[in-house]
Amino acid sequence: MLEKVERMAWLMDFYGPLLTERQKRIMQLYYDNDWSLGEIAENYEVSRQAIYDVLRRAEKALEQYESRLGLVEKFKLNRRRLNMACELLKEIKNERNEDRLEQIRDILEQVLENEGS
């Protein structure tokens, strides 16, 4: 379940604005605020089944966006590549280029830190 929550968080970050306001709010209540289907249904004065259907349609839409565009996977791949580049730069021991390599490493680390913001 934790993997699904994490995946939905990533998908919502990238594609959430493409959902309807109702879908976004229900997804946020369910995944971010940890509300139950019953709590959401009571809040919206509809059945649990109606909330379940909205959630499934929203999840399906998010998955379809990702399968077509692949932005989440591209982002994760680039992040892994940047991490690898930082690690490789840390291992380089050429004294003549040490200052330059340190600057490059700092820049790459800043990029990685800014992604999380």
PDB file of N, CA and C in Angstrom:
ATOM      1  N   MET A   1       0.825  -1.200   0.000  1.00  0.00           N
ATOM      2  CA  MET A   1       0.000   0.000   0.000  1.00  0.00           C
ATOM      3  C   MET A   1       0.867   1.261   0.000  1.00  0.00           C
ATOM      4  N   LEU A   2       1.987   1.202   0.732  1.00  0.00           N
ATOM      5  CA  LEU A   2       2.860   2.374   0.804  1.00  0.00           C
ATOM      6  C   LEU A   2       3.403   2.745  -0.577  1.00  0.00           C
ATOM      7  N   GLU A   3       3.725   1.728  -1.392  1.00  0.00           N
ATOM      8  CA  GLU A   3       4.222   2.004  -2.739  1.00  0.00           C
ATOM      9  C   GLU A   3       3.160   2.725  -3.567  1.00  0.00           C
ATOM     10  N   LYS A   4       1.899   2.303  -3.395  1.00  0.00           N
ATOM     11  CA  LYS A   4       0.819   2.941  -4.155  1.00  0.00           C
ATOM     12  C   LYS A   4       0.633   4.391  -3.712  1.00  0.00           C
ATOM     13  N   VAL A   5       0.697   4.633  -2.409  1.00  0.00           N
ATOM     14  CA  VAL A   5       0.557   5.999  -1.896  1.00  0.00           C
ATOM     15  C   VAL A   5       1.677   6.876  -2.447  1.00  0.00           C
ATOM     16  N   GLU A   6       2.900   6.343  -2.431  1.00  0.00           N
ATOM     17  CA  GLU A   6       4.036   7.103  -2.959  1.00  0.00           C
ATOM     18  C   GLU A   6       3.873   7.359  -4.456  1.00  0.00           C
ATOM     19  N   ARG A   7       3.442   6.333  -5.184  1.00  0.00           N
ATOM     20  CA  ARG A   7       3.245   6.497  -6.634  1.00  0.00           C
ATOM     21  C   ARG A   7       2.176   7.548  -6.918  1.00  0.00           C
ATOM     22  N   MET A   8       1.073   7.483  -6.191  1.00  0.00           N
ATOM     23  CA  MET A   8       0.003   8.463  -6.400  1.00  0.00           C
ATOM     24  C   MET A   8       0.484   9.878  -6.066  1.00  0.00           C
ATOM     25  N   ALA A   9       1.338   9.996  -5.058  1.00  0.00           N
ATOM     26  CA  ALA A   9       1.887  11.315  -4.709  1.00  0.00           C
ATOM     27  C   ALA A   9       2.710  11.866  -5.872  1.00  0.00           C
ATOM     28  N   TRP A  10       3.551  11.013  -6.455  1.00  0.00           N
ATOM     29  CA  TRP A  10       4.346  11.443  -7.612  1.00  0.00           C
ATOM     30  C   TRP A  10       3.437  11.837  -8.772  1.00  0.00           C
ATOM     31  N   LEU A  11       2.455  10.984  -9.070  1.00  0.00           N
ATOM     32  CA  LEU A  11       1.561  11.257 -10.193  1.00  0.00           C
ATOM     33  C   LEU A  11       0.757  12.536  -9.965  1.00  0.00           C
ATOM     34  N   MET A  12       0.309  12.744  -8.736  1.00  0.00           N
ATOM     35  CA  MET A  12      -0.440  13.968  -8.419  1.00  0.00           C
ATOM     36  C   MET A  12       0.450  15.203  -8.574  1.00  0.00           C
ATOM     37  N   ASP A  13       1.703  15.089  -8.168  1.00  0.00           N
ATOM     38  CA  ASP A  13       2.626  16.225  -8.320  1.00  0.00           C
ATOM     39  C   ASP A  13       2.768  16.635  -9.784  1.00  0.00           C
ATOM     40  N   PHE A  14       2.853  15.651 -10.657  1.00  0.00           N
ATOM     41  CA  PHE A  14       3.084  15.948 -12.065  1.00  0.00           C
ATOM     42  C   PHE A  14       1.800  16.207 -12.848  1.00  0.00           C
ATOM     43  N   TYR A  15       0.765  15.413 -12.579  1.00  0.00           N
ATOM     44  CA  TYR A  15      -0.438  15.466 -13.411  1.00  0.00           C
ATOM     45  C   TYR A  15      -1.698  15.910 -12.672  1.00  0.00           C
ATOM     46  N   GLY A  16      -1.610  16.160 -11.387  1.00  0.00           N
ATOM     47  CA  GLY A  16      -2.779  16.565 -10.607  1.00  0.00           C
ATOM     48  C   GLY A  16      -3.558  17.728 -11.205  1.00  0.00           C
ATOM     49  N   PRO A  17      -2.870  18.747 -11.727  1.00  0.00           N
ATOM     50  CA  PRO A  17      -3.613  19.871 -12.312  1.00  0.00           C
ATOM     51  C   PRO A  17      -4.509  19.483 -13.491  1.00  0.00           C
ATOM     52  N   LEU A  18      -4.285  18.311 -14.065  1.00  0.00           N
ATOM     53  CA  LEU A  18      -5.107  17.869 -15.193  1.00  0.00           C
ATOM     54  C   LEU A  18      -6.412  17.214 -14.748  1.00  0.00           C
ATOM     55  N   LEU A  19      -6.535  16.905 -13.463  1.00  0.00           N
ATOM     56  CA  LEU A  19      -7.765  16.316 -12.935  1.00  0.00           C
ATOM     57  C   LEU A  19      -8.800  17.408 -12.686  1.00  0.00           C
ATOM     58  N   THR A  20     -10.056  16.984 -12.532  1.00  0.00           N
ATOM     59  CA  THR A  20     -11.093  17.943 -12.152  1.00  0.00           C
ATOM     60  C   THR A  20     -10.853  18.369 -10.705  1.00  0.00           C
ATOM     61  N   GLU A  21     -11.438  19.479 -10.316  1.00  0.00           N
ATOM     62  CA  GLU A  21     -11.288  19.947  -8.932  1.00  0.00           C
ATOM     63  C   GLU A  21     -11.798  18.901  -7.947  1.00  0.00           C
ATOM     64  N   ARG A  22     -12.915  18.284  -8.258  1.00  0.00           N
ATOM     65  CA  ARG A  22     -13.491  17.257  -7.384  1.00  0.00           C
ATOM     66  C   ARG A  22     -12.541  16.065  -7.249  1.00  0.00           C
ATOM     67  N   GLN A  23     -12.008  15.595  -8.372  1.00  0.00           N
ATOM     68  CA  GLN A  23     -11.061  14.480  -8.332  1.00  0.00           C
ATOM     69  C   GLN A  23      -9.831  14.839  -7.509  1.00  0.00           C
ATOM     70  N   LYS A  24      -9.295  16.035  -7.734  1.00  0.00           N
ATOM     71  CA  LYS A  24      -8.107  16.469  -6.980  1.00  0.00           C
ATOM     72  C   LYS A  24      -8.378  16.473  -5.487  1.00  0.00           C
ATOM     73  N   ARG A  25      -9.499  17.058  -5.097  1.00  0.00           N
ATOM     74  CA  ARG A  25      -9.813  17.181  -3.672  1.00  0.00           C
ATOM     75  C   ARG A  25     -10.011  15.809  -3.035  1.00  0.00           C
ATOM     76  N   ILE A  26     -10.710  14.919  -3.716  1.00  0.00           N
ATOM     77  CA  ILE A  26     -10.941  13.578  -3.172  1.00  0.00           C
ATOM     78  C   ILE A  26      -9.626  12.809  -3.084  1.00  0.00           C
ATOM     79  N   MET A  27      -8.777  12.929  -4.087  1.00  0.00           N
ATOM     80  CA  MET A  27      -7.462  12.276  -4.047  1.00  0.00           C
ATOM     81  C   MET A  27      -6.637  12.813  -2.882  1.00  0.00           C
ATOM     82  N   GLN A  28      -6.677  14.120  -2.666  1.00  0.00           N
ATOM     83  CA  GLN A  28      -5.928  14.716  -1.556  1.00  0.00           C
ATOM     84  C   GLN A  28      -6.446  14.223  -0.211  1.00  0.00           C
ATOM     85  N   LEU A  29      -7.758  14.184  -0.064  1.00  0.00           N
ATOM     86  CA  LEU A  29      -8.328  13.720   1.205  1.00  0.00           C
ATOM     87  C   LEU A  29      -7.948  12.264   1.469  1.00  0.00           C
ATOM     88  N   TYR A  30      -8.019  11.445   0.435  1.00  0.00           N
ATOM     89  CA  TYR A  30      -7.761  10.012   0.599  1.00  0.00           C
ATOM     90  C   TYR A  30      -6.270   9.719   0.793  1.00  0.00           C
ATOM     91  N   TYR A  31      -5.437  10.262  -0.064  1.00  0.00           N
ATOM     92  CA  TYR A  31      -4.009   9.923  -0.025  1.00  0.00           C
ATOM     93  C   TYR A  31      -3.188  10.832   0.890  1.00  0.00           C
ATOM     94  N   ASP A  32      -3.437  12.120   0.859  1.00  0.00           N
ATOM     95  CA  ASP A  32      -2.624  13.041   1.662  1.00  0.00           C
ATOM     96  C   ASP A  32      -3.110  13.149   3.104  1.00  0.00           C
ATOM     97  N   ASN A  33      -4.429  13.217   3.270  1.00  0.00           N
ATOM     98  CA  ASN A  33      -4.992  13.413   4.608  1.00  0.00           C
ATOM     99  C   ASN A  33      -5.410  12.114   5.277  1.00  0.00           C
ATOM    100  N   ASP A  34      -5.314  10.996   4.541  1.00  0.00           N
ATOM    101  CA  ASP A  34      -5.607   9.663   5.077  1.00  0.00           C
ATOM    102  C   ASP A  34      -7.056   9.521   5.559  1.00  0.00           C
ATOM    103  N   TRP A  35      -7.974  10.146   4.849  1.00  0.00           N
ATOM    104  CA  TRP A  35      -9.385   9.980   5.171  1.00  0.00           C
ATOM    105  C   TRP A  35      -9.864   8.654   4.595  1.00  0.00           C
ATOM    106  N   SER A  36     -10.829   8.047   5.243  1.00  0.00           N
ATOM    107  CA  SER A  36     -11.430   6.816   4.729  1.00  0.00           C
ATOM    108  C   SER A  36     -12.469   7.167   3.667  1.00  0.00           C
ATOM    109  N   LEU A  37     -12.880   6.153   2.907  1.00  0.00           N
ATOM    110  CA  LEU A  37     -13.932   6.373   1.919  1.00  0.00           C
ATOM    111  C   LEU A  37     -15.199   6.879   2.597  1.00  0.00           C
ATOM    112  N   GLY A  38     -15.500   6.308   3.757  1.00  0.00           N
ATOM    113  CA  GLY A  38     -16.692   6.715   4.500  1.00  0.00           C
ATOM    114  C   GLY A  38     -16.641   8.167   4.939  1.00  0.00           C
ATOM    115  N   GLU A  39     -15.488   8.603   5.411  1.00  0.00           N
ATOM    116  CA  GLU A  39     -15.342  10.000   5.847  1.00  0.00           C
ATOM    117  C   GLU A  39     -15.511  10.966   4.673  1.00  0.00           C
ATOM    118  N   ILE A  40     -14.919  10.602   3.551  1.00  0.00           N
ATOM    119  CA  ILE A  40     -15.036  11.461   2.366  1.00  0.00           C
ATOM    120  C   ILE A  40     -16.486  11.479   1.882  1.00  0.00           C
ATOM    121  N   ALA A  41     -17.109  10.298   1.851  1.00  0.00           N
ATOM    122  CA  ALA A  41     -18.507  10.201   1.417  1.00  0.00           C
ATOM    123  C   ALA A  41     -19.412  11.044   2.305  1.00  0.00           C
ATOM    124  N   GLU A  42     -19.192  10.979   3.593  1.00  0.00           N
ATOM    125  CA  GLU A  42     -19.993  11.771   4.531  1.00  0.00           C
ATOM    126  C   GLU A  42     -19.787  13.266   4.271  1.00  0.00           C
ATOM    127  N   ASN A  43     -18.551  13.657   4.039  1.00  0.00           N
ATOM    128  CA  ASN A  43     -18.233  15.062   3.775  1.00  0.00           C
ATOM    129  C   ASN A  43     -18.914  15.569   2.501  1.00  0.00           C
ATOM    130  N   TYR A  44     -18.967  14.726   1.472  1.00  0.00           N
ATOM    131  CA  TYR A  44     -19.575  15.104   0.198  1.00  0.00           C
ATOM    132  C   TYR A  44     -21.055  14.738   0.115  1.00  0.00           C
ATOM    133  N   GLU A  45     -21.557  14.064   1.142  1.00  0.00           N
ATOM    134  CA  GLU A  45     -22.954  13.617   1.191  1.00  0.00           C
ATOM    135  C   GLU A  45     -23.315  12.754  -0.007  1.00  0.00           C
ATOM    136  N   VAL A  46     -22.433  11.790  -0.276  1.00  0.00           N
ATOM    137  CA  VAL A  46     -22.660  10.793  -1.327  1.00  0.00           C
ATOM    138  C   VAL A  46     -22.297   9.428  -0.759  1.00  0.00           C
ATOM    139  N   SER A  47     -22.500   8.388  -1.553  1.00  0.00           N
ATOM    140  CA  SER A  47     -22.186   7.033  -1.092  1.00  0.00           C
ATOM    141  C   SER A  47     -20.681   6.769  -1.140  1.00  0.00           C
ATOM    142  N   ARG A  48     -20.264   5.768  -0.378  1.00  0.00           N
ATOM    143  CA  ARG A  48     -18.861   5.344  -0.425  1.00  0.00           C
ATOM    144  C   ARG A  48     -18.509   4.868  -1.830  1.00  0.00           C
ATOM    145  N   GLN A  49     -19.461   4.202  -2.480  1.00  0.00           N
ATOM    146  CA  GLN A  49     -19.235   3.707  -3.833  1.00  0.00           C
ATOM    147  C   GLN A  49     -18.953   4.860  -4.797  1.00  0.00           C
ATOM    148  N   ALA A  50     -19.655   5.957  -4.631  1.00  0.00           N
ATOM    149  CA  ALA A  50     -19.429   7.124  -5.498  1.00  0.00           C
ATOM    150  C   ALA A  50     -18.009   7.653  -5.315  1.00  0.00           C
ATOM    151  N   ILE A  51     -17.548   7.716  -4.077  1.00  0.00           N
ATOM    152  CA  ILE A  51     -16.183   8.184  -3.804  1.00  0.00           C
ATOM    153  C   ILE A  51     -15.169   7.198  -4.367  1.00  0.00           C
ATOM    154  N   TYR A  52     -15.423   5.910  -4.169  1.00  0.00           N
ATOM    155  CA  TYR A  52     -14.549   4.867  -4.706  1.00  0.00           C
ATOM    156  C   TYR A  52     -14.421   5.023  -6.225  1.00  0.00           C
ATOM    157  N   ASP A  53     -15.549   5.242  -6.900  1.00  0.00           N
ATOM    158  CA  ASP A  53     -15.538   5.396  -8.356  1.00  0.00           C
ATOM    159  C   ASP A  53     -14.728   6.624  -8.789  1.00  0.00           C
ATOM    160  N   VAL A  54     -14.883   7.732  -8.075  1.00  0.00           N
ATOM    161  CA  VAL A  54     -14.113   8.944  -8.395  1.00  0.00           C
ATOM    162  C   VAL A  54     -12.619   8.675  -8.221  1.00  0.00           C
ATOM    163  N   LEU A  55     -12.257   8.011  -7.118  1.00  0.00           N
ATOM    164  CA  LEU A  55     -10.843   7.682  -6.874  1.00  0.00           C
ATOM    165  C   LEU A  55     -10.276   6.819  -7.988  1.00  0.00           C
ATOM    166  N   ARG A  56     -10.994   5.768  -8.359  1.00  0.00           N
ATOM    167  CA  ARG A  56     -10.495   4.856  -9.392  1.00  0.00           C
ATOM    168  C   ARG A  56     -10.357   5.564 -10.734  1.00  0.00           C
ATOM    169  N   ARG A  57     -11.340   6.402 -11.082  1.00  0.00           N
ATOM    170  CA  ARG A  57     -11.240   7.138 -12.353  1.00  0.00           C
ATOM    171  C   ARG A  57     -10.048   8.095 -12.337  1.00  0.00           C
ATOM    172  N   ALA A  58      -9.837   8.763 -11.217  1.00  0.00           N
ATOM    173  CA  ALA A  58      -8.705   9.693 -11.107  1.00  0.00           C
ATOM    174  C   ALA A  58      -7.380   8.936 -11.189  1.00  0.00           C
ATOM    175  N   GLU A  59      -7.282   7.813 -10.473  1.00  0.00           N
ATOM    176  CA  GLU A  59      -6.054   7.004 -10.520  1.00  0.00           C
ATOM    177  C   GLU A  59      -5.782   6.518 -11.936  1.00  0.00           C
ATOM    178  N   LYS A  60      -6.836   6.067 -12.608  1.00  0.00           N
ATOM    179  CA  LYS A  60      -6.686   5.580 -13.979  1.00  0.00           C
ATOM    180  C   LYS A  60      -6.217   6.707 -14.899  1.00  0.00           C
ATOM    181  N   ALA A  61      -6.791   7.892 -14.738  1.00  0.00           N
ATOM    182  CA  ALA A  61      -6.387   9.036 -15.564  1.00  0.00           C
ATOM    183  C   ALA A  61      -4.920   9.375 -15.328  1.00  0.00           C
ATOM    184  N   LEU A  62      -4.502   9.400 -14.062  1.00  0.00           N
ATOM    185  CA  LEU A  62      -3.103   9.706 -13.741  1.00  0.00           C
ATOM    186  C   LEU A  62      -2.163   8.676 -14.356  1.00  0.00           C
ATOM    187  N   GLU A  63      -2.522   7.401 -14.250  1.00  0.00           N
ATOM    188  CA  GLU A  63      -1.691   6.331 -14.830  1.00  0.00           C
ATOM    189  C   GLU A  63      -1.621   6.464 -16.353  1.00  0.00           C
ATOM    190  N   GLN A  64      -2.732   6.847 -16.972  1.00  0.00           N
ATOM    191  CA  GLN A  64      -2.728   7.024 -18.429  1.00  0.00           C
ATOM    192  C   GLN A  64      -1.838   8.194 -18.845  1.00  0.00           C
ATOM    193  N   TYR A  65      -1.893   9.282 -18.095  1.00  0.00           N
ATOM    194  CA  TYR A  65      -1.004  10.407 -18.391  1.00  0.00           C
ATOM    195  C   TYR A  65       0.454   9.964 -18.308  1.00  0.00           C
ATOM    196  N   GLU A  66       0.772   9.209 -17.268  1.00  0.00           N
ATOM    197  CA  GLU A  66       2.160   8.763 -17.098  1.00  0.00           C
ATOM    198  C   GLU A  66       2.566   7.803 -18.206  1.00  0.00           C
ATOM    199  N   SER A  67       1.670   6.899 -18.606  1.00  0.00           N
ATOM    200  CA  SER A  67       2.034   5.943 -19.658  1.00  0.00           C
ATOM    201  C   SER A  67       2.259   6.657 -20.993  1.00  0.00           C
ATOM    202  N   ARG A  68       1.556   7.750 -21.221  1.00  0.00           N
ATOM    203  CA  ARG A  68       1.729   8.500 -22.468  1.00  0.00           C
ATOM    204  C   ARG A  68       2.917   9.452 -22.423  1.00  0.00           C
ATOM    205  N   LEU A  69       3.094  10.123 -21.288  1.00  0.00           N
ATOM    206  CA  LEU A  69       4.113  11.174 -21.204  1.00  0.00           C
ATOM    207  C   LEU A  69       5.393  10.744 -20.497  1.00  0.00           C
ATOM    208  N   GLY A  70       5.267   9.879 -19.511  1.00  0.00           N
ATOM    209  CA  GLY A  70       6.432   9.357 -18.803  1.00  0.00           C
ATOM    210  C   GLY A  70       7.236  10.383 -18.022  1.00  0.00           C
ATOM    211  N   LEU A  71       6.616  11.461 -17.595  1.00  0.00           N
ATOM    212  CA  LEU A  71       7.359  12.530 -16.920  1.00  0.00           C
ATOM    213  C   LEU A  71       7.922  12.108 -15.567  1.00  0.00           C
ATOM    214  N   VAL A  72       7.171  11.310 -14.825  1.00  0.00           N
ATOM    215  CA  VAL A  72       7.646  10.878 -13.505  1.00  0.00           C
ATOM    216  C   VAL A  72       8.884  10.004 -13.659  1.00  0.00           C
ATOM    217  N   GLU A  73       8.821   9.039 -14.566  1.00  0.00           N
ATOM    218  CA  GLU A  73       9.969   8.151 -14.760  1.00  0.00           C
ATOM    219  C   GLU A  73      11.178   8.909 -15.301  1.00  0.00           C
ATOM    220  N   LYS A  74      10.955   9.850 -16.198  1.00  0.00           N
ATOM    221  CA  LYS A  74      12.066  10.661 -16.712  1.00  0.00           C
ATOM    222  C   LYS A  74      12.696  11.480 -15.588  1.00  0.00           C
ATOM    223  N   PHE A  75      11.851  12.051 -14.740  1.00  0.00           N
ATOM    224  CA  PHE A  75      12.339  12.836 -13.608  1.00  0.00           C
ATOM    225  C   PHE A  75      13.183  11.968 -12.680  1.00  0.00           C
ATOM    226  N   LYS A  76      12.675  10.777 -12.353  1.00  0.00           N
ATOM    227  CA  LYS A  76      13.407   9.874 -11.455  1.00  0.00           C
ATOM    228  C   LYS A  76      14.725   9.430 -12.083  1.00  0.00           C
ATOM    229  N   LEU A  77      14.709   9.155 -13.376  1.00  0.00           N
ATOM    230  CA  LEU A  77      15.936   8.756 -14.076  1.00  0.00           C
ATOM    231  C   LEU A  77      16.964   9.880 -14.041  1.00  0.00           C
ATOM    232  N   ASN A  78      16.532  11.095 -14.329  1.00  0.00           N
ATOM    233  CA  ASN A  78      17.459  12.231 -14.290  1.00  0.00           C
ATOM    234  C   ASN A  78      18.017  12.435 -12.893  1.00  0.00           C
ATOM    235  N   ARG A  79      17.195  12.243 -11.904  1.00  0.00           N
ATOM    236  CA  ARG A  79      17.658  12.383 -10.520  1.00  0.00           C
ATOM    237  C   ARG A  79      18.723  11.332 -10.194  1.00  0.00           C
ATOM    238  N   ARG A  80      18.484  10.088 -10.627  1.00  0.00           N
ATOM    239  CA  ARG A  80      19.493   9.028 -10.414  1.00  0.00           C
ATOM    240  C   ARG A  80      20.792   9.371 -11.141  1.00  0.00           C
ATOM    241  N   ARG A  81      20.672   9.881 -12.344  1.00  0.00           N
ATOM    242  CA  ARG A  81      21.869  10.252 -13.108  1.00  0.00           C
ATOM    243  C   ARG A  81      22.642  11.372 -12.422  1.00  0.00           C
ATOM    244  N   LEU A  82      21.931  12.363 -11.918  1.00  0.00           N
ATOM    245  CA  LEU A  82      22.605  13.457 -11.211  1.00  0.00           C
ATOM    246  C   LEU A  82      23.297  12.949  -9.951  1.00  0.00           C
ATOM    247  N   ASN A  83      22.653  12.039  -9.235  1.00  0.00           N
ATOM    248  CA  ASN A  83      23.283  11.446  -8.051  1.00  0.00           C
ATOM    249  C   ASN A  83      24.555  10.694  -8.428  1.00  0.00           C
ATOM    250  N   MET A  84      24.490   9.937  -9.529  1.00  0.00           N
ATOM    251  CA  MET A  84      25.671   9.205  -9.987  1.00  0.00           C
ATOM    252  C   MET A  84      26.788  10.169 -10.367  1.00  0.00           C
ATOM    253  N   ALA A  85      26.439  11.252 -11.055  1.00  0.00           N
ATOM    254  CA  ALA A  85      27.450  12.238 -11.455  1.00  0.00           C
ATOM    255  C   ALA A  85      28.121  12.845 -10.228  1.00  0.00           C
ATOM    256  N   CYS A  86      27.336  13.150  -9.219  1.00  0.00           N
ATOM    257  CA  CYS A  86      27.910  13.697  -7.974  1.00  0.00           C
ATOM    258  C   CYS A  86      28.866  12.699  -7.338  1.00  0.00           C
ATOM    259  N   GLU A  87      28.470  11.450  -7.291  1.00  0.00           N
ATOM    260  CA  GLU A  87      29.330  10.429  -6.690  1.00  0.00           C
ATOM    261  C   GLU A  87      30.622  10.262  -7.477  1.00  0.00           C
ATOM    262  N   LEU A  88      30.526  10.251  -8.801  1.00  0.00           N
ATOM    263  CA  LEU A  88      31.730  10.126  -9.627  1.00  0.00           C
ATOM    264  C   LEU A  88      32.655  11.321  -9.439  1.00  0.00           C
ATOM    265  N   LEU A  89      32.091  12.494  -9.372  1.00  0.00           N
ATOM    266  CA  LEU A  89      32.916  13.686  -9.175  1.00  0.00           C
ATOM    267  C   LEU A  89      33.624  13.659  -7.824  1.00  0.00           C
ATOM    268  N   LYS A  90      32.985  13.087  -6.817  1.00  0.00           N
ATOM    269  CA  LYS A  90      33.612  12.981  -5.498  1.00  0.00           C
ATOM    270  C   LYS A  90      34.824  12.055  -5.535  1.00  0.00           C
ATOM    271  N   GLU A  91      34.799  11.087  -6.452  1.00  0.00           N
ATOM    272  CA  GLU A  91      35.870  10.095  -6.526  1.00  0.00           C
ATOM    273  C   GLU A  91      37.086  10.576  -7.324  1.00  0.00           C
ATOM    274  N   ILE A  92      36.931  11.589  -8.142  1.00  0.00           N
ATOM    275  CA  ILE A  92      38.034  12.069  -8.977  1.00  0.00           C
ATOM    276  C   ILE A  92      39.093  12.725  -8.097  1.00  0.00           C
ATOM    277  N   LYS A  93      40.358  12.334  -8.326  1.00  0.00           N
ATOM    278  CA  LYS A  93      41.446  12.807  -7.461  1.00  0.00           C
ATOM    279  C   LYS A  93      42.492  13.633  -8.202  1.00  0.00           C
ATOM    280  N   ASN A  94      42.197  14.116  -9.363  1.00  0.00           N
ATOM    281  CA  ASN A  94      43.158  14.896 -10.139  1.00  0.00           C
ATOM    282  C   ASN A  94      43.307  16.279  -9.513  1.00  0.00           C
ATOM    283  N   GLU A  95      44.473  16.561  -8.958  1.00  0.00           N
ATOM    284  CA  GLU A  95      44.695  17.812  -8.227  1.00  0.00           C
ATOM    285  C   GLU A  95      44.567  19.047  -9.112  1.00  0.00           C
ATOM    286  N   ARG A  96      44.987  18.972 -10.360  1.00  0.00           N
ATOM    287  CA  ARG A  96      44.923  20.136 -11.248  1.00  0.00           C
ATOM    288  C   ARG A  96      43.482  20.598 -11.469  1.00  0.00           C
ATOM    289  N   ASN A  97      42.560  19.682 -11.429  1.00  0.00           N
ATOM    290  CA  ASN A  97      41.160  20.007 -11.695  1.00  0.00           C
ATOM    291  C   ASN A  97      40.310  20.023 -10.433  1.00  0.00           C
ATOM    292  N   GLU A  98      40.940  19.912  -9.287  1.00  0.00           N
ATOM    293  CA  GLU A  98      40.183  19.769  -8.052  1.00  0.00           C
ATOM    294  C   GLU A  98      39.211  20.926  -7.813  1.00  0.00           C
ATOM    295  N   ASP A  99      39.661  22.165  -8.013  1.00  0.00           N
ATOM    296  CA  ASP A  99      38.777  23.320  -7.797  1.00  0.00           C
ATOM    297  C   ASP A  99      37.591  23.300  -8.756  1.00  0.00           C
ATOM    298  N   ARG A 100      37.870  23.018 -10.013  1.00  0.00           N
ATOM    299  CA  ARG A 100      36.818  22.974 -11.034  1.00  0.00           C
ATOM    300  C   ARG A 100      35.823  21.853 -10.726  1.00  0.00           C
ATOM    301  N   LEU A 101      36.358  20.698 -10.376  1.00  0.00           N
ATOM    302  CA  LEU A 101      35.487  19.569 -10.055  1.00  0.00           C
ATOM    303  C   LEU A 101      34.633  19.853  -8.824  1.00  0.00           C
ATOM    304  N   GLU A 102      35.190  20.540  -7.860  1.00  0.00           N
ATOM    305  CA  GLU A 102      34.441  20.906  -6.660  1.00  0.00           C
ATOM    306  C   GLU A 102      33.274  21.834  -7.021  1.00  0.00           C
ATOM    307  N   GLN A 103      33.520  22.768  -7.918  1.00  0.00           N
ATOM    308  CA  GLN A 103      32.456  23.672  -8.359  1.00  0.00           C
ATOM    309  C   GLN A 103      31.343  22.903  -9.070  1.00  0.00           C
ATOM    310  N   ILE A 104      31.747  21.983  -9.930  1.00  0.00           N
ATOM    311  CA  ILE A 104      30.764  21.179 -10.666  1.00  0.00           C
ATOM    312  C   ILE A 104      29.934  20.350  -9.695  1.00  0.00           C
ATOM    313  N   ARG A 105      30.602  19.721  -8.742  1.00  0.00           N
ATOM    314  CA  ARG A 105      29.898  18.898  -7.756  1.00  0.00           C
ATOM    315  C   ARG A 105      28.905  19.742  -6.966  1.00  0.00           C
ATOM    316  N   ASP A 106      29.323  20.926  -6.558  1.00  0.00           N
ATOM    317  CA  ASP A 106      28.434  21.820  -5.806  1.00  0.00           C
ATOM    318  C   ASP A 106      27.199  22.197  -6.621  1.00  0.00           C
ATOM    319  N   ILE A 107      27.413  22.481  -7.896  1.00  0.00           N
ATOM    320  CA  ILE A 107      26.285  22.834  -8.766  1.00  0.00           C
ATOM    321  C   ILE A 107      25.317  21.665  -8.881  1.00  0.00           C
ATOM    322  N   LEU A 108      25.843  20.466  -9.111  1.00  0.00           N
ATOM    323  CA  LEU A 108      24.978  19.292  -9.230  1.00  0.00           C
ATOM    324  C   LEU A 108      24.216  19.027  -7.932  1.00  0.00           C
ATOM    325  N   GLU A 109      24.871  19.189  -6.804  1.00  0.00           N
ATOM    326  CA  GLU A 109      24.190  18.988  -5.523  1.00  0.00           C
ATOM    327  C   GLU A 109      23.094  20.029  -5.312  1.00  0.00           C
ATOM    328  N   GLN A 110      23.330  21.248  -5.766  1.00  0.00           N
ATOM    329  CA  GLN A 110      22.299  22.279  -5.657  1.00  0.00           C
ATOM    330  C   GLN A 110      21.075  21.919  -6.492  1.00  0.00           C
ATOM    331  N   VAL A 111      21.323  21.379  -7.682  1.00  0.00           N
ATOM    332  CA  VAL A 111      20.209  20.954  -8.536  1.00  0.00           C
ATOM    333  C   VAL A 111      19.390  19.891  -7.815  1.00  0.00           C
ATOM    334  N   LEU A 112      20.076  18.927  -7.222  1.00  0.00           N
ATOM    335  CA  LEU A 112      19.373  17.860  -6.507  1.00  0.00           C
ATOM    336  C   LEU A 112      18.608  18.393  -5.306  1.00  0.00           C
ATOM    337  N   GLU A 113      19.186  19.313  -4.575  1.00  0.00           N
ATOM    338  CA  GLU A 113      18.510  19.891  -3.407  1.00  0.00           C
ATOM    339  C   GLU A 113      17.292  20.701  -3.817  1.00  0.00           C
ATOM    340  N   ASN A 114      17.382  21.410  -4.912  1.00  0.00           N
ATOM    341  CA  ASN A 114      16.270  22.241  -5.373  1.00  0.00           C
ATOM    342  C   ASN A 114      15.106  21.417  -5.886  1.00  0.00           C
ATOM    343  N   GLU A 115      15.361  20.192  -6.329  1.00  0.00           N
ATOM    344  CA  GLU A 115      14.276  19.338  -6.804  1.00  0.00           C
ATOM    345  C   GLU A 115      13.297  19.016  -5.690  1.00  0.00           C
ATOM    346  N   GLY A 116      13.798  18.840  -4.493  1.00  0.00           N
ATOM    347  CA  GLY A 116      12.944  18.482  -3.376  1.00  0.00           C
ATOM    348  C   GLY A 116      12.109  19.631  -2.856  1.00  0.00           C
ATOM    349  N   SER A 117      12.432  20.839  -3.240  1.00  0.00           N
ATOM    350  CA  SER A 117      11.713  22.020  -2.735  1.00  0.00           C
ATOM    351  C   SER A 117      10.389  22.214  -3.419  1.00  0.00           C
TER     352      SER A 117
END
